[in-house]
PDB file of N, CA and C in Angstrom:
ATOM      1  N   UNK A   1      -2.018 -14.172 -10.220  1.00  0.00           N
ATOM      2  CA  UNK A   1      -1.612 -13.409  -9.066  1.00  0.00           C
ATOM      3  C   UNK A   1      -0.921 -14.365  -8.094  1.00  0.00           C
ATOM      4  N   UNK A   2       0.315 -14.025  -7.765  1.00  0.00           N
ATOM      5  CA  UNK A   2       1.052 -14.857  -6.829  1.00  0.00           C
ATOM      6  C   UNK A   2       1.345 -14.074  -5.564  1.00  0.00           C
ATOM      7  N   UNK A   3       1.390 -14.768  -4.456  1.00  0.00           N
ATOM      8  CA  UNK A   3       1.707 -14.133  -3.175  1.00  0.00           C
ATOM      9  C   UNK A   3       3.182 -14.352  -2.889  1.00  0.00           C
ATOM     10  N   UNK A   4       3.851 -13.291  -2.455  1.00  0.00           N
ATOM     11  CA  UNK A   4       5.247 -13.371  -2.081  1.00  0.00           C
ATOM     12  C   UNK A   4       5.399 -12.856  -0.663  1.00  0.00           C
ATOM     13  N   UNK A   5       6.567 -13.086  -0.085  1.00  0.00           N
ATOM     14  CA  UNK A   5       6.859 -12.582   1.258  1.00  0.00           C
ATOM     15  C   UNK A   5       8.068 -11.662   1.185  1.00  0.00           C
ATOM     16  N   UNK A   6       7.997 -10.539   1.910  1.00  0.00           N
ATOM     17  CA  UNK A   6       9.104  -9.598   1.940  1.00  0.00           C
ATOM     18  C   UNK A   6       9.306  -9.088   3.362  1.00  0.00           C
ATOM     19  N   UNK A   7      10.473  -8.515   3.611  1.00  0.00           N
ATOM     20  CA  UNK A   7      10.808  -7.923   4.907  1.00  0.00           C
ATOM     21  C   UNK A   7      10.868  -6.411   4.735  1.00  0.00           C
ATOM     22  N   UNK A   8      10.059  -5.671   5.481  1.00  0.00           N
ATOM     23  CA  UNK A   8      10.099  -4.213   5.523  1.00  0.00           C
ATOM     24  C   UNK A   8      10.265  -3.809   6.977  1.00  0.00           C
ATOM     25  N   UNK A   9      11.239  -2.940   7.249  1.00  0.00           N
ATOM     26  CA  UNK A   9      11.596  -2.645   8.631  1.00  0.00           C
ATOM     27  C   UNK A   9      10.784  -1.528   9.278  1.00  0.00           C
ATOM     28  N   UNK A  10      10.226  -0.613   8.463  1.00  0.00           N
ATOM     29  CA  UNK A  10       9.497   0.513   9.055  1.00  0.00           C
ATOM     30  C   UNK A  10       8.458   1.036   8.069  1.00  0.00           C
ATOM     31  N   UNK A  11       7.675   2.007   8.516  1.00  0.00           N
ATOM     32  CA  UNK A  11       6.604   2.547   7.668  1.00  0.00           C
ATOM     33  C   UNK A  11       7.141   3.258   6.436  1.00  0.00           C
ATOM     34  N   UNK A  12       8.302   3.906   6.541  1.00  0.00           N
ATOM     35  CA  UNK A  12       8.881   4.565   5.365  1.00  0.00           C
ATOM     36  C   UNK A  12       9.232   3.546   4.285  1.00  0.00           C
ATOM     37  N   UNK A  13       9.773   2.398   4.697  1.00  0.00           N
ATOM     38  CA  UNK A  13      10.071   1.330   3.735  1.00  0.00           C
ATOM     39  C   UNK A  13       8.786   0.786   3.113  1.00  0.00           C
ATOM     40  N   UNK A  14       7.737   0.663   3.922  1.00  0.00           N
ATOM     41  CA  UNK A  14       6.443   0.199   3.432  1.00  0.00           C
ATOM     42  C   UNK A  14       5.890   1.170   2.394  1.00  0.00           C
ATOM     43  N   UNK A  15       5.933   2.457   2.709  1.00  0.00           N
ATOM     44  CA  UNK A  15       5.445   3.482   1.761  1.00  0.00           C
ATOM     45  C   UNK A  15       6.219   3.425   0.444  1.00  0.00           C
ATOM     46  N   UNK A  16       7.536   3.358   0.542  1.00  0.00           N
ATOM     47  CA  UNK A  16       8.371   3.332  -0.658  1.00  0.00           C
ATOM     48  C   UNK A  16       8.097   2.086  -1.494  1.00  0.00           C
ATOM     49  N   UNK A  17       7.944   0.946  -0.832  1.00  0.00           N
ATOM     50  CA  UNK A  17       7.667  -0.300  -1.542  1.00  0.00           C
ATOM     51  C   UNK A  17       6.329  -0.244  -2.273  1.00  0.00           C
ATOM     52  N   UNK A  18       5.289   0.205  -1.572  1.00  0.00           N
ATOM     53  CA  UNK A  18       3.955   0.283  -2.178  1.00  0.00           C
ATOM     54  C   UNK A  18       3.973   1.230  -3.370  1.00  0.00           C
ATOM     55  N   UNK A  19       4.602   2.393  -3.211  1.00  0.00           N
ATOM     56  CA  UNK A  19       4.667   3.365  -4.308  1.00  0.00           C
ATOM     57  C   UNK A  19       5.387   2.763  -5.521  1.00  0.00           C
ATOM     58  N   UNK A  20       6.526   2.127  -5.289  1.00  0.00           N
ATOM     59  CA  UNK A  20       7.281   1.533  -6.391  1.00  0.00           C
ATOM     60  C   UNK A  20       6.485   0.429  -7.082  1.00  0.00           C
ATOM     61  N   UNK A  21       5.789  -0.403  -6.319  1.00  0.00           N
ATOM     62  CA  UNK A  21       5.006  -1.488  -6.910  1.00  0.00           C
ATOM     63  C   UNK A  21       3.836  -0.956  -7.732  1.00  0.00           C
ATOM     64  N   UNK A  22       3.134   0.045  -7.212  1.00  0.00           N
ATOM     65  CA  UNK A  22       2.013   0.618  -7.968  1.00  0.00           C
ATOM     66  C   UNK A  22       2.505   1.243  -9.263  1.00  0.00           C
ATOM     67  N   UNK A  23       3.635   1.934  -9.206  1.00  0.00           N
ATOM     68  CA  UNK A  23       4.195   2.526 -10.426  1.00  0.00           C
ATOM     69  C   UNK A  23       4.626   1.444 -11.413  1.00  0.00           C
ATOM     70  N   UNK A  24       5.295   0.408 -10.915  1.00  0.00           N
ATOM     71  CA  UNK A  24       5.763  -0.671 -11.788  1.00  0.00           C
ATOM     72  C   UNK A  24       4.596  -1.416 -12.437  1.00  0.00           C
ATOM     73  N   UNK A  25       3.578  -1.749 -11.653  1.00  0.00           N
ATOM     74  CA  UNK A  25       2.429  -2.487 -12.176  1.00  0.00           C
ATOM     75  C   UNK A  25       1.691  -1.716 -13.257  1.00  0.00           C
ATOM     76  N   UNK A  26       1.742  -0.383 -13.175  1.00  0.00           N
ATOM     77  CA  UNK A  26       0.983   0.444 -14.119  1.00  0.00           C
ATOM     78  C   UNK A  26       1.875   1.195 -15.095  1.00  0.00           C
ATOM     79  N   UNK A  27       3.164   0.806 -15.146  1.00  0.00           N
ATOM     80  CA  UNK A  27       4.135   1.390 -16.061  1.00  0.00           C
ATOM     81  C   UNK A  27       4.193   2.908 -15.955  1.00  0.00           C
ATOM     82  N   UNK A  28       4.287   3.387 -14.705  1.00  0.00           N
ATOM     83  CA  UNK A  28       4.374   4.819 -14.438  1.00  0.00           C
ATOM     84  C   UNK A  28       5.777   5.156 -13.957  1.00  0.00           C
ATOM     85  N   UNK A  29       6.204   6.364 -14.259  1.00  0.00           N
ATOM     86  CA  UNK A  29       7.520   6.827 -13.832  1.00  0.00           C
ATOM     87  C   UNK A  29       7.496   7.145 -12.338  1.00  0.00           C
ATOM     88  N   UNK A  30       8.491   6.641 -11.614  1.00  0.00           N
ATOM     89  CA  UNK A  30       8.596   6.921 -10.178  1.00  0.00           C
ATOM     90  C   UNK A  30       8.728   8.422  -9.947  1.00  0.00           C
ATOM     91  N   UNK A  31       7.967   8.929  -9.008  1.00  0.00           N
ATOM     92  CA  UNK A  31       8.036  10.336  -8.653  1.00  0.00           C
ATOM     93  C   UNK A  31       7.201  11.262  -9.513  1.00  0.00           C
ATOM     94  N   UNK A  32       6.557  10.736 -10.541  1.00  0.00           N
ATOM     95  CA  UNK A  32       5.794  11.593 -11.447  1.00  0.00           C
ATOM     96  C   UNK A  32       4.360  11.837 -10.976  1.00  0.00           C
ATOM     97  N   UNK A  33       3.860  10.981 -10.099  1.00  0.00           N
ATOM     98  CA  UNK A  33       2.467  11.088  -9.670  1.00  0.00           C
ATOM     99  C   UNK A  33       2.385  11.020  -8.148  1.00  0.00           C
ATOM    100  N   UNK A  34       1.421  11.742  -7.569  1.00  0.00           N
ATOM    101  CA  UNK A  34       1.311  11.765  -6.106  1.00  0.00           C
ATOM    102  C   UNK A  34       0.617  10.521  -5.554  1.00  0.00           C
ATOM    103  N   UNK A  35       1.001  10.184  -4.334  1.00  0.00           N
ATOM    104  CA  UNK A  35       0.342   9.102  -3.616  1.00  0.00           C
ATOM    105  C   UNK A  35      -0.117   9.663  -2.273  1.00  0.00           C
ATOM    106  N   UNK A  36      -1.301   9.272  -1.861  1.00  0.00           N
ATOM    107  CA  UNK A  36      -1.829   9.686  -0.563  1.00  0.00           C
ATOM    108  C   UNK A  36      -2.134   8.431   0.238  1.00  0.00           C
ATOM    109  N   UNK A  37      -2.236   8.610   1.538  1.00  0.00           N
ATOM    110  CA  UNK A  37      -2.548   7.464   2.385  1.00  0.00           C
ATOM    111  C   UNK A  37      -3.503   7.877   3.474  1.00  0.00           C
ATOM    112  N   UNK A  38      -4.233   6.897   3.952  1.00  0.00           N
ATOM    113  CA  UNK A  38      -5.190   7.110   5.035  1.00  0.00           C
ATOM    114  C   UNK A  38      -5.147   5.899   5.954  1.00  0.00           C
ATOM    115  N   UNK A  39      -5.042   6.166   7.244  1.00  0.00           N
ATOM    116  CA  UNK A  39      -5.059   5.074   8.218  1.00  0.00           C
ATOM    117  C   UNK A  39      -6.486   4.554   8.335  1.00  0.00           C
ATOM    118  N   UNK A  40      -6.630   3.246   8.255  1.00  0.00           N
ATOM    119  CA  UNK A  40      -7.930   2.599   8.390  1.00  0.00           C
ATOM    120  C   UNK A  40      -8.138   2.248   9.854  1.00  0.00           C
ATOM    121  N   UNK A  41      -9.352   2.486  10.339  1.00  0.00           N
ATOM    122  CA  UNK A  41      -9.658   2.293  11.750  1.00  0.00           C
ATOM    123  C   UNK A  41     -10.849   1.355  11.896  1.00  0.00           C
ATOM    124  N   UNK A  42     -10.721   0.429  12.853  1.00  0.00           N
ATOM    125  CA  UNK A  42     -11.827  -0.471  13.193  1.00  0.00           C
ATOM    126  C   UNK A  42     -11.980  -0.423  14.706  1.00  0.00           C
ATOM    127  N   UNK A  43     -13.148   0.006  15.162  1.00  0.00           N
ATOM    128  CA  UNK A  43     -13.387   0.089  16.600  1.00  0.00           C
ATOM    129  C   UNK A  43     -12.416   1.007  17.310  1.00  0.00           C
ATOM    130  N   UNK A  44     -12.125   2.128  16.725  1.00  0.00           N
ATOM    131  CA  UNK A  44     -11.207   3.144  17.262  1.00  0.00           C
ATOM    132  C   UNK A  44      -9.747   2.720  17.317  1.00  0.00           C
ATOM    133  N   UNK A  45      -9.409   1.589  16.683  1.00  0.00           N
ATOM    134  CA  UNK A  45      -8.026   1.127  16.660  1.00  0.00           C
ATOM    135  C   UNK A  45      -7.555   1.033  15.213  1.00  0.00           C
ATOM    136  N   UNK A  46      -6.344   1.513  14.917  1.00  0.00           N
ATOM    137  CA  UNK A  46      -5.835   1.419  13.543  1.00  0.00           C
ATOM    138  C   UNK A  46      -5.687  -0.042  13.124  1.00  0.00           C
ATOM    139  N   UNK A  47      -6.119  -0.344  11.901  1.00  0.00           N
ATOM    140  CA  UNK A  47      -6.055  -1.727  11.420  1.00  0.00           C
ATOM    141  C   UNK A  47      -5.397  -1.839  10.052  1.00  0.00           C
ATOM    142  N   UNK A  48      -4.897  -0.727   9.518  1.00  0.00           N
ATOM    143  CA  UNK A  48      -4.240  -0.785   8.221  1.00  0.00           C
ATOM    144  C   UNK A  48      -4.082   0.588   7.618  1.00  0.00           C
ATOM    145  N   UNK A  49      -3.559   0.596   6.401  1.00  0.00           N
ATOM    146  CA  UNK A  49      -3.380   1.841   5.656  1.00  0.00           C
ATOM    147  C   UNK A  49      -3.867   1.638   4.235  1.00  0.00           C
ATOM    148  N   UNK A  50      -4.637   2.599   3.734  1.00  0.00           N
ATOM    149  CA  UNK A  50      -5.058   2.642   2.342  1.00  0.00           C
ATOM    150  C   UNK A  50      -4.127   3.594   1.614  1.00  0.00           C
ATOM    151  N   UNK A  51      -3.483   3.117   0.549  1.00  0.00           N
ATOM    152  CA  UNK A  51      -2.625   3.937  -0.301  1.00  0.00           C
ATOM    153  C   UNK A  51      -3.348   4.153  -1.623  1.00  0.00           C
ATOM    154  N   UNK A  52      -3.320   5.379  -2.136  1.00  0.00           N
ATOM    155  CA  UNK A  52      -3.968   5.682  -3.410  1.00  0.00           C
ATOM    156  C   UNK A  52      -3.020   6.512  -4.260  1.00  0.00           C
ATOM    157  N   UNK A  53      -2.626   5.966  -5.397  1.00  0.00           N
ATOM    158  CA  UNK A  53      -1.758   6.650  -6.350  1.00  0.00           C
ATOM    159  C   UNK A  53      -2.635   7.306  -7.401  1.00  0.00           C
ATOM    160  N   UNK A  54      -2.526   8.609  -7.514  1.00  0.00           N
ATOM    161  CA  UNK A  54      -3.309   9.368  -8.493  1.00  0.00           C
ATOM    162  C   UNK A  54      -2.498   9.479  -9.776  1.00  0.00           C
ATOM    163  N   UNK A  55      -2.896   8.717 -10.791  1.00  0.00           N
ATOM    164  CA  UNK A  55      -2.154   8.647 -12.042  1.00  0.00           C
ATOM    165  C   UNK A  55      -2.709   9.570 -13.112  1.00  0.00           C
ATOM    166  N   UNK A  56      -2.276   9.340 -14.337  1.00  0.00           N
ATOM    167  CA  UNK A  56      -2.713  10.187 -15.452  1.00  0.00           C
ATOM    168  C   UNK A  56      -4.203  10.007 -15.753  1.00  0.00           C
ATOM    169  N   UNK A  57      -4.787  11.030 -16.310  1.00  0.00           N
ATOM    170  CA  UNK A  57      -6.194  10.996 -16.732  1.00  0.00           C
ATOM    171  C   UNK A  57      -7.116  10.585 -15.592  1.00  0.00           C
ATOM    172  N   UNK A  58      -6.837  11.088 -14.407  1.00  0.00           N
ATOM    173  CA  UNK A  58      -7.661  10.861 -13.208  1.00  0.00           C
ATOM    174  C   UNK A  58      -7.798   9.391 -12.816  1.00  0.00           C
ATOM    175  N   UNK A  59      -6.837   8.561 -13.197  1.00  0.00           N
ATOM    176  CA  UNK A  59      -6.882   7.160 -12.772  1.00  0.00           C
ATOM    177  C   UNK A  59      -6.351   7.039 -11.347  1.00  0.00           C
ATOM    178  N   UNK A  60      -6.815   6.013 -10.654  1.00  0.00           N
ATOM    179  CA  UNK A  60      -6.387   5.757  -9.283  1.00  0.00           C
ATOM    180  C   UNK A  60      -6.064   4.286  -9.125  1.00  0.00           C
ATOM    181  N   UNK A  61      -4.876   4.036  -8.607  1.00  0.00           N
ATOM    182  CA  UNK A  61      -4.446   2.681  -8.277  1.00  0.00           C
ATOM    183  C   UNK A  61      -4.308   2.628  -6.758  1.00  0.00           C
ATOM    184  N   UNK A  62      -4.715   1.525  -6.163  1.00  0.00           N
ATOM    185  CA  UNK A  62      -4.722   1.468  -4.704  1.00  0.00           C
ATOM    186  C   UNK A  62      -4.020   0.215  -4.176  1.00  0.00           C
ATOM    187  N   UNK A  63      -3.638   0.325  -2.913  1.00  0.00           N
ATOM    188  CA  UNK A  63      -3.093  -0.807  -2.176  1.00  0.00           C
ATOM    189  C   UNK A  63      -3.557  -0.652  -0.736  1.00  0.00           C
ATOM    190  N   UNK A  64      -3.791  -1.771  -0.084  1.00  0.00           N
ATOM    191  CA  UNK A  64      -4.212  -1.763   1.315  1.00  0.00           C
ATOM    192  C   UNK A  64      -3.275  -2.674   2.097  1.00  0.00           C
ATOM    193  N   UNK A  65      -2.704  -2.112   3.155  1.00  0.00           N
ATOM    194  CA  UNK A  65      -1.927  -2.926   4.093  1.00  0.00           C
ATOM    195  C   UNK A  65      -2.862  -3.297   5.228  1.00  0.00           C
ATOM    196  N   UNK A  66      -3.119  -4.600   5.380  1.00  0.00           N
ATOM    197  CA  UNK A  66      -3.965  -5.121   6.452  1.00  0.00           C
ATOM    198  C   UNK A  66      -3.065  -5.578   7.594  1.00  0.00           C
ATOM    199  N   UNK A  67      -3.194  -4.935   8.735  1.00  0.00           N
ATOM    200  CA  UNK A  67      -2.339  -5.310   9.862  1.00  0.00           C
ATOM    201  C   UNK A  67      -2.745  -6.652  10.467  1.00  0.00           C
ATOM    202  N   UNK A  68      -4.030  -7.006  10.415  1.00  0.00           N
ATOM    203  CA  UNK A  68      -4.489  -8.277  10.979  1.00  0.00           C
ATOM    204  C   UNK A  68      -3.825  -9.471  10.298  1.00  0.00           C
ATOM    205  N   UNK A  69      -3.776  -9.427   8.987  1.00  0.00           N
ATOM    206  CA  UNK A  69      -3.190 -10.533   8.215  1.00  0.00           C
ATOM    207  C   UNK A  69      -1.759 -10.239   7.792  1.00  0.00           C
ATOM    208  N   UNK A  70      -1.306  -9.006   8.043  1.00  0.00           N
ATOM    209  CA  UNK A  70       0.039  -8.576   7.691  1.00  0.00           C
ATOM    210  C   UNK A  70       0.322  -8.762   6.202  1.00  0.00           C
ATOM    211  N   UNK A  71      -0.645  -8.326   5.388  1.00  0.00           N
ATOM    212  CA  UNK A  71      -0.505  -8.429   3.938  1.00  0.00           C
ATOM    213  C   UNK A  71      -0.767  -7.080   3.285  1.00  0.00           C
ATOM    214  N   UNK A  72      -0.201  -6.927   2.093  1.00  0.00           N
ATOM    215  CA  UNK A  72      -0.487  -5.760   1.249  1.00  0.00           C
ATOM    216  C   UNK A  72      -1.238  -6.283   0.040  1.00  0.00           C
ATOM    217  N   UNK A  73      -2.416  -5.724  -0.212  1.00  0.00           N
ATOM    218  CA  UNK A  73      -3.236  -6.111  -1.353  1.00  0.00           C
ATOM    219  C   UNK A  73      -3.192  -4.975  -2.374  1.00  0.00           C
ATOM    220  N   UNK A  74      -2.885  -5.299  -3.629  1.00  0.00           N
ATOM    221  CA  UNK A  74      -2.784  -4.304  -4.694  1.00  0.00           C
ATOM    222  C   UNK A  74      -3.988  -4.425  -5.622  1.00  0.00           C
ATOM    223  N   UNK A  75      -4.531  -3.275  -6.021  1.00  0.00           N
ATOM    224  CA  UNK A  75      -5.707  -3.233  -6.890  1.00  0.00           C
ATOM    225  C   UNK A  75      -5.431  -2.363  -8.105  1.00  0.00           C
ATOM    226  N   UNK A  76      -6.010  -2.752  -9.261  1.00  0.00           N
ATOM    227  CA  UNK A  76      -5.839  -1.951 -10.466  1.00  0.00           C
ATOM    228  C   UNK A  76      -6.894  -0.847 -10.540  1.00  0.00           C
ATOM    229  N   UNK A  77      -6.933  -0.146 -11.652  1.00  0.00           N
ATOM    230  CA  UNK A  77      -7.839   1.006 -11.785  1.00  0.00           C
ATOM    231  C   UNK A  77      -9.308   0.617 -11.784  1.00  0.00           C
ATOM    232  N   UNK A  78      -9.621  -0.646 -12.082  1.00  0.00           N
ATOM    233  CA  UNK A  78     -11.025  -1.076 -12.075  1.00  0.00           C
ATOM    234  C   UNK A  78     -11.409  -1.738 -10.753  1.00  0.00           C
ATOM    235  N   UNK A  79     -10.485  -1.765  -9.787  1.00  0.00           N
ATOM    236  CA  UNK A  79     -10.792  -2.311  -8.476  1.00  0.00           C
ATOM    237  C   UNK A  79     -10.536  -3.797  -8.322  1.00  0.00           C
ATOM    238  N   UNK A  80      -9.963  -4.445  -9.335  1.00  0.00           N
ATOM    239  CA  UNK A  80      -9.651  -5.867  -9.247  1.00  0.00           C
ATOM    240  C   UNK A  80      -8.316  -6.065  -8.549  1.00  0.00           C
ATOM    241  N   UNK A  81      -8.256  -7.057  -7.673  1.00  0.00           N
ATOM    242  CA  UNK A  81      -7.003  -7.344  -6.986  1.00  0.00           C
ATOM    243  C   UNK A  81      -6.009  -7.930  -7.977  1.00  0.00           C
ATOM    244  N   UNK A  82      -4.813  -7.349  -8.009  1.00  0.00           N
ATOM    245  CA  UNK A  82      -3.789  -7.786  -8.953  1.00  0.00           C
ATOM    246  C   UNK A  82      -2.527  -8.293  -8.270  1.00  0.00           C
ATOM    247  N   UNK A  83      -2.468  -8.209  -6.952  1.00  0.00           N
ATOM    248  CA  UNK A  83      -1.286  -8.691  -6.263  1.00  0.00           C
ATOM    249  C   UNK A  83      -1.504  -8.801  -4.770  1.00  0.00           C
ATOM    250  N   UNK A  84      -0.691  -9.659  -4.167  1.00  0.00           N
ATOM    251  CA  UNK A  84      -0.765  -9.853  -2.723  1.00  0.00           C
ATOM    252  C   UNK A  84       0.646 -10.143  -2.226  1.00  0.00           C
ATOM    253  N   UNK A  85       1.060  -9.395  -1.202  1.00  0.00           N
ATOM    254  CA  UNK A  85       2.391  -9.565  -0.631  1.00  0.00           C
ATOM    255  C   UNK A  85       2.236  -9.729   0.869  1.00  0.00           C
ATOM    256  N   UNK A  86       2.875 -10.741   1.410  1.00  0.00           N
ATOM    257  CA  UNK A  86       2.840 -10.978   2.853  1.00  0.00           C
ATOM    258  C   UNK A  86       4.124 -10.417   3.451  1.00  0.00           C
ATOM    259  N   UNK A  87       3.993  -9.660   4.546  1.00  0.00           N
ATOM    260  CA  UNK A  87       5.149  -9.117   5.232  1.00  0.00           C
ATOM    261  C   UNK A  87       5.654 -10.125   6.262  1.00  0.00           C
ATOM    262  N   UNK A  88       6.955 -10.305   6.315  1.00  0.00           N
ATOM    263  CA  UNK A  88       7.553 -11.223   7.274  1.00  0.00           C
ATOM    264  C   UNK A  88       7.314 -10.716   8.686  1.00  0.00           C
ATOM    265  N   UNK A  89       7.516  -9.420   8.880  1.00  0.00           N
ATOM    266  CA  UNK A  89       7.277  -8.795  10.184  1.00  0.00           C
ATOM    267  C   UNK A  89       6.636  -7.433   9.919  1.00  0.00           C
ATOM    268  N   UNK A  90       5.598  -7.109  10.653  1.00  0.00           N
ATOM    269  CA  UNK A  90       4.874  -5.865  10.425  1.00  0.00           C
ATOM    270  C   UNK A  90       5.591  -4.683  11.083  1.00  0.00           C
ATOM    271  N   UNK A  91       5.717  -3.571  10.342  1.00  0.00           N
ATOM    272  CA  UNK A  91       6.203  -2.351  10.995  1.00  0.00           C
ATOM    273  C   UNK A  91       5.133  -1.829  11.944  1.00  0.00           C
ATOM    274  N   UNK A  92       5.549  -1.065  12.932  1.00  0.00           N
ATOM    275  CA  UNK A  92       4.595  -0.506  13.901  1.00  0.00           C
ATOM    276  C   UNK A  92       3.722   0.539  13.227  1.00  0.00           C
ATOM    277  N   UNK A  93       2.427   0.426  13.410  1.00  0.00           N
ATOM    278  CA  UNK A  93       1.476   1.394  12.860  1.00  0.00           C
ATOM    279  C   UNK A  93       1.203   2.433  13.938  1.00  0.00           C
ATOM    280  N   UNK A  94       1.923   3.530  13.862  1.00  0.00           N
ATOM    281  CA  UNK A  94       1.808   4.590  14.848  1.00  0.00           C
ATOM    282  C   UNK A  94       1.338   5.843  14.129  1.00  0.00           C
ATOM    283  N   UNK A  95       0.206   6.436  14.520  1.00  0.00           N
ATOM    284  CA  UNK A  95      -0.233   7.667  13.883  1.00  0.00           C
ATOM    285  C   UNK A  95       0.800   8.767  14.033  1.00  0.00           C
ATOM    286  N   UNK A  96       0.860   9.658  13.041  1.00  0.00           N
ATOM    287  CA  UNK A  96       1.810  10.766  13.056  1.00  0.00           C
ATOM    288  C   UNK A  96       1.607  11.626  14.296  1.00  0.00           C
ATOM    289  N   UNK A  97       2.726  12.086  14.855  1.00  0.00           N
ATOM    290  CA  UNK A  97       2.648  12.977  16.025  1.00  0.00           C
ATOM    291  C   UNK A  97       2.653  12.271  17.361  1.00  0.00           C
ATOM    292  N   UNK A  98       2.778  10.941  17.363  1.00  0.00           N
ATOM    293  CA  UNK A  98       2.831  10.230  18.645  1.00  0.00           C
ATOM    294  C   UNK A  98       4.184   9.616  18.868  1.00  0.00           C
TER     295      UNK A  98
END
């Protein structure tokens, strides 16, 4: 597992990147499976986003964007970390509707 650095300008770019990486890591066709996300909160303040790709045969692949460390951690179906990406600059984490 190697750590790389990338530049993402906004949350839409972050979502697209995470989805593409999860599909690529698990050899899934882009757009064939749904992905959901949940904002992670610590002490009433958002601290990241959990992404979960629902794949075939009820498998789930996940990624977590940690705002404190400005990294995206990728996990396989058994929960083992399989990748780590550091963001050069963090997009603003703003809940929907604000």
